[in-house]
Amino acid sequence: MVLKLPKSGIFVKDRDIVEADFGPMRINRTQVQKFSIRHRGSVRLSSGRYYTEDEFEDRKKKNFKEPLP
């Protein structure tokens, strides 16, 4: 049995996908809770101390409405 090794580098239509920008990711609390068991990175994410994009926008609007002293 002969294995065919790919050429060096990972290319898709002449683009290096390792350095490609995948754009913003939309996450919600159920996704984070589902994968938090396997995640060994940020303590904030695994303990639920973060804002989703929608929650952050709502909080930002609320804070901008507050009068300055």
Protein backbone atom coordinates (compact mmCIF):
# COMPACT_ATOMS: atom_id res chain seq x y z
CA MET A 1 0.00 0.00 0.00
CA VAL A 2 1.47 3.32 -1.10
CA LEU A 3 0.41 6.55 0.59
CA LYS A 4 0.20 9.69 -1.49
CA LEU A 5 1.56 12.62 0.48
CA PRO A 6 0.22 16.08 -0.33
CA LYS A 7 2.56 18.78 -1.50
CA SER A 8 4.05 21.01 1.16
CA GLY A 9 1.61 23.69 2.34
CA ILE A 10 -2.16 23.57 2.42
CA PHE A 11 -3.59 25.27 -0.65
CA VAL A 12 -7.16 25.73 -1.80
CA LYS A 13 -7.40 27.42 -5.20
CA ASP A 14 -3.94 28.95 -4.78
CA ARG A 15 -4.73 30.31 -1.30
CA ASP A 16 -3.02 29.37 1.89
CA ILE A 17 -5.87 28.49 4.27
CA VAL A 18 -3.62 28.60 7.31
CA GLU A 19 -3.35 32.38 7.00
CA ALA A 20 -6.85 32.98 5.58
CA ASP A 21 -9.29 35.26 7.37
CA PHE A 22 -12.48 33.40 8.24
CA GLY A 23 -14.38 36.52 9.32
CA PRO A 24 -16.25 37.18 12.54
CA MET A 25 -17.83 34.23 14.31
CA ARG A 26 -21.31 34.46 15.80
CA ILE A 27 -21.44 32.57 19.09
CA ASN A 28 -24.15 32.13 21.66
CA ARG A 29 -24.15 30.92 25.23
CA THR A 30 -25.36 27.40 24.38
CA GLN A 31 -22.40 26.84 22.03
CA VAL A 32 -19.92 28.04 24.64
CA GLN A 33 -21.53 25.93 27.36
CA LYS A 34 -21.48 22.87 25.10
CA PHE A 35 -17.74 23.15 24.32
CA SER A 36 -16.54 24.54 27.66
CA ILE A 37 -15.78 21.04 28.98
CA ARG A 38 -13.17 20.52 26.26
CA HIS A 39 -11.83 24.07 26.36
CA ARG A 40 -8.69 24.61 28.42
CA GLY A 41 -8.05 28.24 27.50
CA SER A 42 -9.74 31.29 28.92
CA VAL A 43 -11.21 31.05 32.41
CA ARG A 44 -13.66 33.81 31.46
CA LEU A 45 -15.18 31.67 28.71
CA SER A 46 -15.39 28.48 30.73
CA SER A 47 -16.96 30.25 33.71
CA GLY A 48 -19.46 32.23 31.61
CA ARG A 49 -17.95 35.68 32.26
CA TYR A 50 -18.23 37.13 28.78
CA TYR A 51 -20.67 38.99 26.55
CA THR A 52 -21.97 37.77 23.23
CA GLU A 53 -21.93 40.30 20.41
CA ASP A 54 -25.62 41.14 20.85
CA GLU A 55 -25.29 41.47 24.63
CA PHE A 56 -22.26 43.70 24.20
CA GLU A 57 -24.10 46.00 21.76
CA ASP A 58 -27.09 46.26 24.15
CA ARG A 59 -24.79 47.05 27.07
CA LYS A 60 -22.88 49.62 25.02
CA LYS A 61 -26.11 51.40 24.00
CA LYS A 62 -27.29 51.42 27.61
CA ASN A 63 -23.97 52.89 28.80
CA PHE A 64 -23.94 55.60 26.12
CA LYS A 65 -27.39 56.73 27.28
CA GLU A 66 -26.08 57.41 30.80
CA PRO A 67 -25.33 61.09 31.42
CA LEU A 68 -21.75 62.05 32.15
CA PRO A 69 -21.03 63.64 35.56
